[in-house]
Structures are given as C-alpha cells and as structure tokens.
Amino acid sequence: MKTFLKILLTALAVIVLANILPGITVAGYTSAIIVAIVISLLNMFVKPLLIFFTLPATIVTLGLFLFVINACIILLAGNLVSGFAVSGFFAALLFSVLLSIFRSALFSLLKEDKKSLK
C-alpha cells in the first residue's frame, strides 16, 4: 500500500512541477502516473549501473556528478513515456532536483511515528 501511495505522491509532484517549470510537459494524470512508475524503475535498475560506470567522475566531482545522472534519468524517462516531454538538459536537471525535494517532503508525511506504536 505504501508503494502505491509513493507512486501517487510522485505523480502529484510531477504534475505540480510540470505546471511550474518551463520545458516540462505532462499530458495528463495517467501520463504522470506512468512517469512516476518509469522513474522509479529507472532509479532501481539503470541508476546503479550509471553510478558504477561513472564512479571516477563522481569521486572527482565529490558527488556532484550524481546530479548529471539524475538529469539523464529524467531525460530517459522523457524519451520512454509519450505523454511526458523534457525540452533539454538544464530543464531535466532542475526538474530532478526539485522532484527530489518534493518527494522527500511528501514521503515524510508517510513516515509513522514510532512513539505512538508503543
């Protein structure tokens, strides 16, 4: 159930960011849900490979190259999902940073209070 809620919250963040940022377009709510699923799958399977292959660049830049990897994941999702379009690299970079911030804020709402479980 939590995974389904996380996908819906990510889709909500995608819709909000598409309305705010220029260069990012989402066709509708179903496209946003598909984008959320594709981004989560790409983060699970493709991102670790990209991190492994670009490890020297990540070490040299003290981890800042991970922003580039996140932007590449967003660009790849834009190519895979037909209702989601990203105009360029810098739009994808800004979108990925803001999506991470929105997701962490929204996912903090799903955290259970461990004190109330006792």
Protein backbone atom coordinates (compact mmCIF):
# COMPACT_ATOMS: atom_id res chain seq x y z
CA MET A 1 0.00 0.00 0.00
CA LYS A 2 2.86 2.37 0.80
CA THR A 3 4.41 1.79 -2.62
CA PHE A 4 1.15 2.74 -4.31
CA LEU A 5 0.94 5.91 -2.22
CA LYS A 6 4.54 6.78 -3.06
CA ILE A 7 3.80 6.40 -6.78
CA LEU A 8 0.74 8.64 -6.45
CA LEU A 9 2.67 11.26 -4.49
CA THR A 10 5.44 11.20 -7.10
CA ALA A 11 2.84 11.62 -9.84
CA LEU A 12 1.40 14.58 -7.92
CA ALA A 13 4.89 16.11 -7.69
CA VAL A 14 5.41 15.55 -11.44
CA ILE A 15 2.15 17.35 -12.25
CA VAL A 16 2.96 20.28 -9.95
CA LEU A 17 6.48 20.65 -11.32
CA ALA A 18 5.26 20.39 -14.92
CA ASN A 19 2.91 23.30 -14.25
CA ILE A 20 5.66 25.37 -12.60
CA LEU A 21 8.72 24.69 -14.75
CA PRO A 22 9.05 25.75 -18.37
CA GLY A 23 10.26 22.99 -20.65
CA ILE A 24 8.49 20.16 -18.83
CA THR A 25 5.10 18.99 -20.10
CA VAL A 26 2.81 16.20 -18.94
CA ALA A 27 -0.24 15.25 -21.00
CA GLY A 28 -2.43 14.22 -18.08
CA TYR A 29 -2.80 12.36 -14.83
CA THR A 30 -2.31 8.92 -16.36
CA SER A 31 0.89 10.09 -18.02
CA ALA A 32 2.09 11.43 -14.67
CA ILE A 33 1.44 8.06 -13.01
CA ILE A 34 3.29 6.29 -15.82
CA VAL A 35 6.17 8.77 -15.46
CA ALA A 36 6.31 8.07 -11.72
CA ILE A 37 6.46 4.32 -12.35
CA VAL A 38 9.10 4.68 -15.09
CA ILE A 39 11.27 6.99 -12.97
CA SER A 40 11.11 4.58 -10.04
CA LEU A 41 12.04 1.63 -12.29
CA LEU A 42 14.88 3.58 -13.88
CA ASN A 43 16.14 4.57 -10.43
CA MET A 44 16.06 0.90 -9.40
CA PHE A 45 17.74 -0.67 -12.42
CA VAL A 46 19.57 1.91 -14.55
CA LYS A 47 20.84 4.39 -11.97
CA PRO A 48 23.09 1.89 -10.12
CA LEU A 49 24.71 0.94 -13.43
CA LEU A 50 25.29 4.58 -14.33
CA ILE A 51 26.77 5.26 -10.91
CA PHE A 52 29.08 2.27 -11.23
CA PHE A 53 30.33 3.20 -14.70
CA THR A 54 30.81 6.87 -13.82
CA LEU A 55 32.34 6.28 -10.39
CA PRO A 56 35.64 8.05 -11.18
CA ALA A 57 33.81 11.18 -12.34
CA THR A 58 31.59 11.04 -9.26
CA ILE A 59 34.61 10.78 -6.98
CA VAL A 60 36.49 13.60 -8.70
CA THR A 61 33.49 15.94 -8.51
CA LEU A 62 32.82 14.92 -4.88
CA GLY A 63 29.40 13.51 -5.76
CA LEU A 64 28.12 16.41 -7.83
CA PHE A 65 28.10 14.20 -10.94
CA LEU A 66 25.09 12.43 -9.39
CA PHE A 67 23.04 15.48 -10.41
CA VAL A 68 24.01 14.77 -14.02
CA ILE A 69 23.00 11.12 -13.61
CA ASN A 70 19.61 12.20 -12.20
CA ALA A 71 19.10 14.53 -15.16
CA CYS A 72 19.94 11.68 -17.54
CA ILE A 73 17.33 9.50 -15.82
CA ILE A 74 14.72 12.25 -16.33
CA LEU A 75 15.73 12.66 -20.00
CA LEU A 76 15.47 8.90 -20.48
CA ALA A 77 12.02 8.89 -18.90
CA GLY A 78 11.05 11.71 -21.26
CA ASN A 79 12.08 9.55 -24.20
CA LEU A 80 10.26 6.46 -22.91
CA VAL A 81 6.90 7.97 -21.93
CA SER A 82 4.92 9.50 -24.77
CA GLY A 83 2.92 11.96 -22.67
CA PHE A 84 5.97 13.39 -20.90
CA ALA A 85 8.34 15.81 -22.62
CA VAL A 86 11.55 17.41 -21.39
CA SER A 87 12.94 20.22 -23.52
CA GLY A 88 16.61 20.00 -22.56
CA PHE A 89 19.31 19.02 -20.12
CA PHE A 90 19.01 22.01 -17.80
CA ALA A 91 15.24 21.61 -17.58
CA ALA A 92 15.81 17.96 -16.64
CA LEU A 93 18.45 18.96 -14.10
CA LEU A 94 16.19 21.49 -12.39
CA PHE A 95 13.25 19.06 -12.57
CA SER A 96 15.26 16.26 -10.96
CA VAL A 97 16.48 18.48 -8.11
CA LEU A 98 13.01 19.84 -7.38
CA LEU A 99 11.43 16.39 -7.73
CA SER A 100 13.84 15.05 -5.12
CA ILE A 101 12.94 17.86 -2.75
CA PHE A 102 9.19 17.42 -3.32
CA ARG A 103 9.40 13.65 -2.93
CA SER A 104 11.32 13.87 0.33
CA ALA A 105 8.80 16.37 1.70
CA LEU A 106 5.82 14.29 0.59
CA PHE A 107 7.31 10.98 1.73
CA SER A 108 7.94 12.44 5.17
CA LEU A 109 4.16 12.57 5.52
CA LEU A 110 4.05 8.77 5.16
CA LYS A 111 6.50 8.13 7.98
CA GLU A 112 4.94 6.51 11.01
CA ASP A 113 5.62 7.88 14.43
CA LYS A 114 7.41 5.11 16.31
CA LYS A 115 6.45 6.58 19.68
CA SER A 116 2.73 6.12 19.00
CA LEU A 117 3.19 2.42 18.21
CA LYS A 118 4.28 1.57 21.76
